[in-house]
Amino acid sequence: MSAQQLSDLIRFARHNSPFYQDLYGSLPPHTDRLTDLPVVDQKAFWAANTLHDSRVLTGPLSEATVYKTGGTTGSPKFSVYTRDEWRTFVTSFGQGLVDTGLRPGHRVADLFYAGELYASFLFVLDSLAHAPVDNVRLPIGGGAPLESTIPTLRDLAAQVLAGTPTTLCRLAEQVVASGVRLDSVELLLFGGEALFDDQRRLLAAAFPGAEARSVGYASVDAGLLGRPVPGADARVHRAFTPYSVVEILDDATDEPVTEPGRPGRVVVTSLFRRLMPIIRYPAGDRAEWTGTGPGHFRILGRAEEGVRVGPVSLYTQDAQDAVASADTAGQVVGMQLVVRRWEGRDGLVLRLATGPGDERDTDRRESLARAVVAELETVRPLYPDSVRAGFVHPLSVEWARHRDLAVNPRSGKLVRVLDERPTA
C-alpha cells in the first residue's frame, strides 16, 4: 500500500471507525487539515480499542497480525497491522537503515526480544530483509543465554549488533568480564531506550572498534516516527516522508511548534495504516526541531503519557491507578514520576505529595509506600523482573508537599513525568 493522501485518510477513518467518527463529530464534513483535528487522547483511544468489538478499527479483524504494546497486566493494549501495512512499515524502516551505517554484506545480529506478541525482533528482522543493501541476518534474540550468544557472534563474525541499550550493555558486561574479543563488531544499533554516557563507556570497553547509533525511531502503536540522521548526535532523526507526519506540539497549548530548539511533545499521523488509523496520536516522547535540515528533530525523552525505565515501559495511569488502589485513606494529594540514573542503571521514584500534618505519621507513610510499590509491581511485573536481573533500581517513594511538585511554567499544570537522566 502506498502512502495515502491525508484528506482520504481522514474521510476513511471518519466514515469507518466509530472512535474517529465520535472524535470528529463536531467538525465540518470536509475537514482535511491536521491542525483542525483534535489530538487523540491516549486513555480514550485504548479504552475504545479493545481486542473484541473495537471502536477504533475500521473493519473486522479478519486479516492482520496482532502485536502487544505498552500497558498493564489487567488492561493489555494491542496494535494490528494488515500484511500490506506491515510490508510498508518494514520497507520504509529498512530504507532508513542505510543511514545508520549499514553496508552491503554486513552480518547483523538481531538481539531484540521475540514472542509474547512483542514486535521488535520480527520488526527489525523484516526491516533488514527489506533494506536496500544486501545483508546477512543472524536472528539470535535478546532472550538467548549469553553463554551461547557470545560464541555465536564470534563464530559467525557478526559485524553489527542490534538491540536495546539494556541488552547491548548486558552483553558488553559479559564480554568484558570473560575477556572474549569480538573484534569483528563495528556497529551497535540501539532502539527502544535512550543511550546514556555511562552505557557508551561500557560499550566502548567491550567493542572498542564499534560505533553506537540509533537503529531508527518507531513504535508498534504509533508506527513510523523517525529515520536516523547521520552525525554525532544519535538523537536526531527525520520524519519518514511520505509515510508519516510528525508534529511537535507546545506542552501547554497543543499549538504546533515551528521554531528550532523549543521542546514539545511528539504527535504522529500514519499515512499508510487504515485498519487501525493513527491520526494525531501522542507518541509519548518530547522533541525539538533542530533547524539543521528539513524535518530534522532531536528526541529529548519521554512525555507525560508514558515513561521508559531501562527495558520497562509504563504509563502514568499505571502509577495513578496503583496509588488509588493502595491509598484507601486518601493521603496522597499529588504524584509525579521521577526517572533518575545512578550507578549505571535507571531507577523510578514515585514522588507522592501529602496534605499538611501527614508528614508526622511516618509509620503510616512507610506502610502506604510499601503498598503503592507492591500494587505497581503487580500490574507491571516486568519491573520487579528487571530489578532481579540487575537492569534497574528498585521502585522507591519520595515524599513531598504539593507545592514541591514541578509545574509547567507557562500553564501551571502539574508535570507528570520528570526525566532527570542526563542524555548524550
Protein backbone atom coordinates (compact mmCIF):
# COMPACT_ATOMS: atom_id res chain seq x y z
CA MET A 1 0.00 0.00 0.00
CA SER A 2 1.35 3.39 -0.91
CA ALA A 3 1.06 6.34 1.42
CA GLN A 4 -2.41 7.82 1.06
CA GLN A 5 -3.49 11.40 0.88
CA LEU A 6 -4.25 12.89 4.28
CA SER A 7 -7.74 14.01 3.26
CA ASP A 8 -8.59 10.49 2.08
CA LEU A 9 -7.36 9.01 5.36
CA ILE A 10 -9.41 11.44 7.45
CA ARG A 11 -12.57 10.71 5.45
CA PHE A 12 -11.99 6.95 5.60
CA ALA A 13 -11.39 6.93 9.36
CA ARG A 14 -14.33 9.23 9.99
CA HIS A 15 -16.67 7.02 7.97
CA ASN A 16 -15.48 3.59 9.14
CA SER A 17 -14.11 3.98 12.69
CA PRO A 18 -16.71 4.70 15.40
CA PHE A 19 -13.98 6.19 17.60
CA TYR A 20 -12.88 8.75 15.00
CA GLN A 21 -16.49 9.35 13.98
CA ASP A 22 -17.22 10.42 17.57
CA LEU A 23 -13.94 12.34 17.89
CA TYR A 24 -14.61 14.37 14.75
CA GLY A 25 -18.38 14.62 15.25
CA SER A 26 -18.39 18.39 15.76
CA LEU A 27 -16.10 19.17 12.81
CA PRO A 28 -17.27 20.27 9.35
CA PRO A 29 -17.74 17.33 6.93
CA HIS A 30 -14.80 18.24 4.68
CA THR A 31 -12.17 18.97 7.34
CA ASP A 32 -8.84 17.89 5.85
CA ARG A 33 -6.07 19.76 7.73
CA LEU A 34 -4.23 18.15 10.61
CA THR A 35 -4.24 21.33 12.67
CA ASP A 36 -8.04 21.39 12.52
CA LEU A 37 -8.25 17.94 14.13
CA PRO A 38 -8.09 17.25 17.87
CA VAL A 39 -5.13 15.37 19.29
CA VAL A 40 -6.05 11.82 20.27
CA ASP A 41 -6.46 11.22 23.99
CA GLN A 42 -4.49 8.04 24.68
CA LYS A 43 -6.71 6.85 27.52
CA ALA A 44 -9.86 7.21 25.42
CA PHE A 45 -8.12 5.62 22.41
CA TRP A 46 -7.14 2.48 24.28
CA ALA A 47 -10.45 2.26 26.10
CA ALA A 48 -12.11 2.16 22.67
CA ASN A 49 -9.54 -0.12 21.03
CA THR A 50 -10.50 -3.36 22.73
CA LEU A 51 -9.46 -6.64 21.17
CA HIS A 52 -13.11 -7.63 20.70
CA ASP A 53 -15.60 -5.18 19.17
CA SER A 54 -13.01 -2.42 18.83
CA ARG A 55 -14.44 1.02 18.11
CA VAL A 56 -11.11 2.19 16.66
CA LEU A 57 -10.74 -0.37 13.88
CA THR A 58 -12.27 0.46 10.52
CA GLY A 59 -13.25 -3.11 9.70
CA PRO A 60 -13.37 -6.67 11.05
CA LEU A 61 -10.21 -8.26 12.40
CA SER A 62 -10.03 -10.92 9.70
CA GLU A 63 -6.56 -10.44 8.15
CA ALA A 64 -3.85 -8.95 10.35
CA THR A 65 -1.03 -9.59 12.77
CA VAL A 66 -1.69 -8.66 16.39
CA TYR A 67 1.09 -7.17 18.49
CA LYS A 68 1.16 -6.13 22.13
CA THR A 69 2.14 -2.63 23.10
CA GLY A 70 2.69 -0.84 26.41
CA GLY A 71 0.07 -1.29 29.10
CA THR A 72 -0.80 -3.03 32.33
CA THR A 73 -1.36 -6.70 33.01
CA GLY A 74 -5.03 -6.07 33.72
CA SER A 75 -5.54 -3.98 30.59
CA PRO A 76 -3.19 -5.10 27.79
CA LYS A 77 -3.05 -2.98 24.65
CA PHE A 78 -2.87 -4.40 21.15
CA SER A 79 -1.89 -2.97 17.76
CA VAL A 80 -2.83 -4.61 14.48
CA TYR A 81 -1.29 -4.44 11.01
CA THR A 82 -2.54 -5.95 7.79
CA ARG A 83 0.09 -7.67 5.69
CA ASP A 84 0.27 -4.72 3.29
CA GLU A 85 0.63 -2.24 6.14
CA TRP A 86 3.37 -4.31 7.76
CA ARG A 87 5.21 -4.56 4.44
CA THR A 88 5.13 -0.77 4.07
CA PHE A 89 6.23 -0.39 7.69
CA VAL A 90 9.31 -2.60 7.44
CA THR A 91 10.24 -1.50 3.91
CA SER A 92 10.26 2.16 4.89
CA PHE A 93 12.17 1.49 8.11
CA GLY A 94 14.59 -0.75 6.21
CA GLN A 95 15.40 2.11 3.83
CA GLY A 96 16.43 4.18 6.86
CA LEU A 97 18.94 1.54 7.96
CA VAL A 98 21.41 2.74 5.33
CA ASP A 99 21.66 5.98 7.33
CA THR A 100 22.85 4.03 10.37
CA GLY A 101 25.97 2.86 8.54
CA LEU A 102 24.65 -0.49 7.32
CA ARG A 103 26.86 -1.58 4.43
CA PRO A 104 26.44 -4.31 1.80
CA GLY A 105 27.32 -7.72 3.22
CA HIS A 106 27.15 -6.69 6.87
CA ARG A 107 26.41 -9.57 9.24
CA VAL A 108 23.73 -8.29 11.60
CA ALA A 109 22.76 -9.94 14.89
CA ASP A 110 19.15 -9.22 15.84
CA LEU A 111 19.19 -9.12 19.65
CA PHE A 112 15.73 -7.64 20.16
CA TYR A 113 13.06 -9.58 22.02
CA ALA A 114 10.61 -12.02 20.42
CA GLY A 115 7.45 -13.83 21.43
CA GLU A 116 4.51 -12.96 23.66
CA LEU A 117 3.10 -10.75 20.87
CA TYR A 118 6.06 -8.34 21.00
CA ALA A 119 7.06 -6.86 17.67
CA SER A 120 10.65 -5.61 17.96
CA PHE A 121 12.52 -8.79 16.97
CA LEU A 122 10.33 -9.52 13.94
CA PHE A 123 10.20 -5.86 13.01
CA VAL A 124 13.98 -5.42 12.90
CA LEU A 125 14.49 -8.76 11.14
CA ASP A 126 11.93 -7.92 8.46
CA SER A 127 13.31 -4.39 8.11
CA LEU A 128 16.78 -5.82 7.48
CA ALA A 129 15.29 -8.19 4.90
CA HIS A 130 13.70 -5.21 3.12
CA ALA A 131 16.73 -2.92 3.38
CA PRO A 132 18.09 -1.63 0.05
CA VAL A 133 21.52 -3.16 0.72
CA ASP A 134 22.37 -6.85 0.98
CA ASN A 135 23.00 -8.12 4.50
CA VAL A 136 23.33 -11.37 6.40
CA ARG A 137 20.76 -11.69 9.18
CA LEU A 138 21.50 -13.53 12.43
CA PRO A 139 18.21 -13.97 14.35
CA ILE A 140 19.63 -14.61 17.83
CA GLY A 141 17.13 -12.72 20.01
CA GLY A 142 17.51 -10.85 23.27
CA GLY A 143 16.38 -13.75 25.43
CA ALA A 144 19.14 -16.14 24.32
CA PRO A 145 21.68 -17.04 27.04
CA LEU A 146 24.86 -15.00 26.87
CA GLU A 147 26.81 -18.25 27.14
CA SER A 148 25.57 -19.18 23.68
CA THR A 149 25.16 -15.69 22.21
CA ILE A 150 28.82 -14.69 22.56
CA PRO A 151 30.23 -17.81 20.82
CA THR A 152 27.65 -17.39 18.05
CA LEU A 153 28.67 -13.78 17.50
CA ARG A 154 32.33 -14.81 17.45
CA ASP A 155 31.91 -17.86 15.21
CA LEU A 156 29.74 -16.03 12.68
CA ALA A 157 31.91 -12.89 12.82
CA ALA A 158 28.96 -10.58 13.48
CA GLN A 159 29.72 -7.01 12.43
CA VAL A 160 26.51 -5.30 13.58
CA LEU A 161 24.65 -5.83 16.85
CA ALA A 162 21.07 -4.55 17.06
CA GLY A 163 19.19 -4.44 20.35
CA THR A 164 18.03 -2.31 23.24
CA PRO A 165 20.75 -0.46 25.19
CA THR A 166 19.99 -2.71 28.17
CA THR A 167 20.60 -5.85 26.11
CA LEU A 168 23.73 -4.48 24.46
CA CYS A 169 25.16 -3.41 27.83
CA ARG A 170 24.38 -6.76 29.43
CA LEU A 171 26.25 -8.40 26.56
CA ALA A 172 29.11 -5.89 26.85
CA GLU A 173 29.48 -6.51 30.58
CA GLN A 174 29.79 -10.25 29.96
CA VAL A 175 32.27 -9.69 27.13
CA VAL A 176 34.49 -7.56 29.37
CA ALA A 177 34.22 -9.99 32.31
CA SER A 178 35.05 -13.05 30.21
CA GLY A 179 37.88 -11.45 28.29
CA VAL A 180 36.42 -12.57 24.96
CA ARG A 181 37.33 -10.45 21.94
CA LEU A 182 34.68 -9.70 19.33
CA ASP A 183 36.89 -7.69 17.02
CA SER A 184 34.54 -8.03 14.05
CA VAL A 185 31.85 -5.84 15.68
CA GLU A 186 31.90 -2.38 14.11
CA LEU A 187 28.36 -1.06 14.55
CA LEU A 188 25.95 -1.08 17.52
CA LEU A 189 22.35 -0.21 16.60
CA PHE A 190 20.22 0.63 19.63
CA GLY A 191 16.49 1.25 19.90
CA GLY A 192 13.64 1.32 22.38
CA GLU A 193 15.52 3.35 25.01
CA ALA A 194 17.85 6.32 25.24
CA LEU A 195 21.57 5.58 25.34
CA PHE A 196 23.45 7.30 28.18
CA ASP A 197 27.10 8.25 28.62
CA ASP A 198 27.87 5.54 31.17
CA GLN A 199 26.44 2.95 28.78
CA ARG A 200 28.57 4.28 25.95
CA ARG A 201 31.67 3.84 28.10
CA LEU A 202 30.76 0.22 28.81
CA LEU A 203 30.06 -0.49 25.14
CA ALA A 204 33.36 1.13 24.14
CA ALA A 205 35.23 -1.08 26.60
CA ALA A 206 33.69 -4.24 25.15
CA PHE A 207 33.64 -3.19 21.49
CA PRO A 208 36.43 -0.63 21.05
CA GLY A 209 36.13 -0.62 17.27
CA ALA A 210 32.36 -0.11 17.16
CA GLU A 211 30.21 2.99 16.81
CA ALA A 212 26.83 3.23 18.58
CA ARG A 213 23.97 4.65 16.51
CA SER A 214 20.18 4.74 16.61
CA VAL A 215 18.54 1.95 14.63
CA GLY A 216 15.64 4.35 13.99
CA TYR A 217 12.61 5.71 15.78
CA ALA A 218 9.39 3.70 15.65
CA SER A 219 6.86 2.02 17.90
CA VAL A 220 4.29 -0.68 17.35
CA ASP A 221 1.42 1.60 18.34
CA ALA A 222 2.49 4.89 16.72
CA GLY A 223 4.27 3.29 13.74
CA LEU A 224 6.99 5.10 11.76
CA LEU A 225 8.39 8.11 13.62
CA GLY A 226 11.95 8.99 12.67
CA ARG A 227 14.66 7.93 10.25
CA PRO A 228 18.22 8.24 11.60
CA VAL A 229 20.19 11.30 10.56
CA PRO A 230 23.93 10.58 10.17
CA GLY A 231 26.05 12.64 12.53
CA ALA A 232 27.43 12.90 16.02
CA ASP A 233 24.06 13.24 17.76
CA ALA A 234 22.25 9.89 17.70
CA ARG A 235 19.07 11.55 18.99
CA VAL A 236 18.48 13.43 15.72
CA HIS A 237 16.01 11.89 13.26
CA ARG A 238 13.81 12.99 10.38
CA ALA A 239 10.26 12.01 9.51
CA PHE A 240 9.57 9.09 7.19
CA THR A 241 8.04 11.26 4.47
CA PRO A 242 5.62 10.46 2.78
CA TYR A 243 4.56 7.65 5.10
CA SER A 244 4.11 9.62 8.30
CA VAL A 245 3.71 13.18 9.53
CA VAL A 246 5.49 14.18 12.75
CA GLU A 247 4.33 17.22 14.70
CA ILE A 248 5.84 18.80 17.81
CA LEU A 249 3.16 20.46 19.94
CA ASP A 250 3.52 23.00 22.73
CA ASP A 251 3.18 21.36 26.14
CA ALA A 252 0.67 23.92 27.42
CA THR A 253 -1.38 24.90 24.37
CA ASP A 254 -1.03 21.98 21.91
CA GLU A 255 -0.21 24.52 19.20
CA PRO A 256 2.33 23.27 16.62
CA VAL A 257 5.92 24.26 17.37
CA THR A 258 7.78 25.50 14.31
CA GLU A 259 10.95 27.16 15.61
CA PRO A 260 14.12 25.15 16.38
CA GLY A 261 15.16 24.49 19.95
CA ARG A 262 11.71 24.76 21.55
CA PRO A 263 10.67 21.48 23.19
CA GLY A 264 7.24 19.94 22.84
CA ARG A 265 5.51 16.59 22.69
CA VAL A 266 5.68 14.37 19.61
CA VAL A 267 2.42 13.63 17.79
CA VAL A 268 2.35 11.36 14.74
CA THR A 269 -0.04 10.63 11.88
CA SER A 270 0.49 7.45 9.91
CA LEU A 271 -0.48 7.80 6.27
CA PHE A 272 -0.46 4.11 5.39
CA ARG A 273 -2.49 2.48 8.19
CA ARG A 274 -6.20 2.07 7.52
CA LEU A 275 -7.32 -0.87 9.69
CA MET A 276 -6.19 0.89 12.89
CA PRO A 277 -5.85 4.57 11.97
CA ILE A 278 -3.23 6.63 13.78
CA ILE A 279 -4.10 10.33 13.36
CA ARG A 280 -2.50 12.95 15.63
CA TYR A 281 -1.55 10.24 18.11
CA PRO A 282 0.81 11.17 21.00
CA ALA A 283 3.99 9.10 20.65
CA GLY A 284 4.87 9.52 24.34
CA ASP A 285 8.09 11.44 23.68
CA ARG A 286 9.27 15.04 23.71
CA ALA A 287 11.43 16.53 20.97
CA GLU A 288 12.62 19.75 19.36
CA TRP A 289 13.28 20.77 15.79
CA THR A 290 17.00 21.17 15.13
CA GLY A 291 16.91 23.51 12.15
CA THR A 292 19.75 21.53 10.59
CA GLY A 293 17.70 20.03 7.78
CA PRO A 294 14.11 19.56 6.55
CA GLY A 295 12.11 17.78 9.22
CA HIS A 296 15.10 17.13 11.46
CA PHE A 297 14.21 16.77 15.14
CA ARG A 298 16.02 15.77 18.33
CA ILE A 299 14.38 13.32 20.76
CA LEU A 300 14.53 14.72 24.30
CA GLY A 301 12.94 11.97 26.38
CA ARG A 302 9.56 10.64 27.38
CA ALA A 303 6.44 12.78 27.63
CA GLU A 304 3.84 12.51 30.32
CA GLU A 305 1.80 9.80 28.59
CA GLY A 306 4.48 7.22 29.27
CA VAL A 307 7.92 6.61 30.69
CA ARG A 308 10.70 4.17 29.86
CA VAL A 309 12.89 2.93 32.73
CA GLY A 310 15.58 0.64 31.36
CA PRO A 311 13.67 -2.01 29.39
CA VAL A 312 10.37 -1.30 31.18
CA SER A 313 7.57 0.85 29.73
CA LEU A 314 4.70 2.08 31.84
CA TYR A 315 2.10 4.80 31.68
CA THR A 316 1.35 7.48 34.22
CA GLN A 317 -2.10 5.95 34.50
CA ASP A 318 -0.46 2.74 35.79
CA ALA A 319 1.04 4.64 38.72
CA GLN A 320 -2.09 6.67 39.33
CA ASP A 321 -4.19 3.50 39.50
CA ALA A 322 -1.69 1.88 41.88
CA VAL A 323 -1.81 4.86 44.21
CA ALA A 324 -5.62 4.99 44.07
CA SER A 325 -5.84 1.29 44.94
CA ALA A 326 -3.34 1.42 47.81
CA ASP A 327 -4.27 4.80 49.27
CA THR A 328 -7.61 3.87 50.82
CA ALA A 329 -7.36 6.76 53.32
CA GLY A 330 -6.75 9.38 50.64
CA GLN A 331 -3.39 10.59 51.97
CA VAL A 332 -1.88 11.32 48.56
CA VAL A 333 -2.81 14.66 47.02
CA GLY A 334 -0.40 14.70 44.10
CA MET A 335 2.03 12.47 42.24
CA GLN A 336 4.93 12.70 39.84
CA LEU A 337 7.09 10.03 38.25
CA VAL A 338 10.78 10.88 38.55
CA VAL A 339 13.25 8.90 36.44
CA ARG A 340 16.85 9.07 37.57
CA ARG A 341 20.06 7.28 36.71
CA TRP A 342 22.86 6.33 39.07
CA GLU A 343 25.44 3.55 39.28
CA GLY A 344 24.87 2.74 35.62
CA ARG A 345 21.15 1.91 35.94
CA ASP A 346 17.82 3.67 35.63
CA GLY A 347 15.51 3.95 38.61
CA LEU A 348 11.92 5.11 39.06
CA VAL A 349 10.94 7.27 42.02
CA LEU A 350 7.28 7.88 42.83
CA ARG A 351 7.11 11.38 44.25
CA LEU A 352 3.95 11.47 46.39
CA ALA A 353 2.58 14.62 47.94
CA THR A 354 0.56 14.51 51.17
CA GLY A 355 -1.51 17.08 52.99
CA PRO A 356 -0.29 19.20 55.91
CA GLY A 357 0.35 17.21 59.06
CA ASP A 358 0.61 13.82 57.36
CA GLU A 359 4.40 14.03 57.34
CA ARG A 360 4.42 13.43 61.11
CA ASP A 361 2.89 9.97 60.78
CA THR A 362 5.99 8.20 59.46
CA ASP A 363 4.75 4.67 60.16
CA ARG A 364 1.61 5.28 58.15
CA ARG A 365 3.54 6.76 55.25
CA GLU A 366 6.01 3.87 55.16
CA SER A 367 3.13 1.40 55.11
CA LEU A 368 1.49 3.31 52.26
CA ALA A 369 4.77 3.45 50.33
CA ARG A 370 5.12 -0.34 50.53
CA ALA A 371 1.51 -0.81 49.43
CA VAL A 372 1.89 1.52 46.43
CA VAL A 373 5.10 -0.18 45.28
CA ALA A 374 3.55 -3.63 45.68
CA GLU A 375 0.47 -2.58 43.68
CA LEU A 376 2.52 -1.10 40.83
CA GLU A 377 4.79 -4.16 40.69
CA THR A 378 1.71 -6.35 40.46
CA VAL A 379 0.37 -4.58 37.38
CA ARG A 380 3.83 -4.13 35.84
CA PRO A 381 5.63 -7.40 36.66
CA LEU A 382 8.39 -6.64 34.17
CA TYR A 383 9.70 -4.02 36.61
CA PRO A 384 10.49 -6.38 39.53
CA ASP A 385 11.74 -8.93 36.99
CA SER A 386 14.16 -6.28 35.68
CA VAL A 387 15.23 -5.43 39.24
CA ARG A 388 16.10 -9.07 39.89
CA ALA A 389 18.02 -9.18 36.62
CA GLY A 390 20.04 -6.13 37.67
CA PHE A 391 18.73 -3.89 34.87
CA VAL A 392 17.06 -1.21 37.01
CA HIS A 393 16.99 0.01 40.59
CA PRO A 394 14.04 -0.98 42.80
CA LEU A 395 11.00 1.26 42.84
CA SER A 396 11.11 3.85 45.60
CA VAL A 397 8.84 6.51 47.08
CA GLU A 398 9.83 10.10 47.78
CA TRP A 399 7.50 12.18 49.96
CA ALA A 400 6.80 15.85 49.27
CA ARG A 401 4.32 18.64 49.81
CA HIS A 402 2.10 19.58 46.90
CA ARG A 403 3.90 22.89 46.45
CA ASP A 404 7.12 20.98 45.88
CA LEU A 405 5.76 19.23 42.77
CA ALA A 406 7.09 20.64 39.50
CA VAL A 407 4.63 22.50 37.29
CA ASN A 408 4.71 23.83 33.74
CA PRO A 409 5.89 27.45 34.00
CA ARG A 410 3.50 28.51 31.20
CA SER A 411 0.26 26.85 32.25
CA GLY A 412 0.84 25.98 35.91
CA LYS A 413 -0.20 22.40 35.13
CA LEU A 414 1.42 19.56 37.02
CA VAL A 415 4.30 17.89 35.17
CA ARG A 416 3.51 14.20 35.39
CA VAL A 417 6.94 12.84 34.43
CA LEU A 418 10.32 14.31 35.29
CA ASP A 419 13.20 12.69 33.42
CA GLU A 420 16.32 13.72 35.35
CA ARG A 421 18.64 11.40 33.44
CA PRO A 422 21.49 13.07 31.56
CA THR A 423 21.30 12.31 27.84
CA ALA A 424 24.08 12.42 25.32
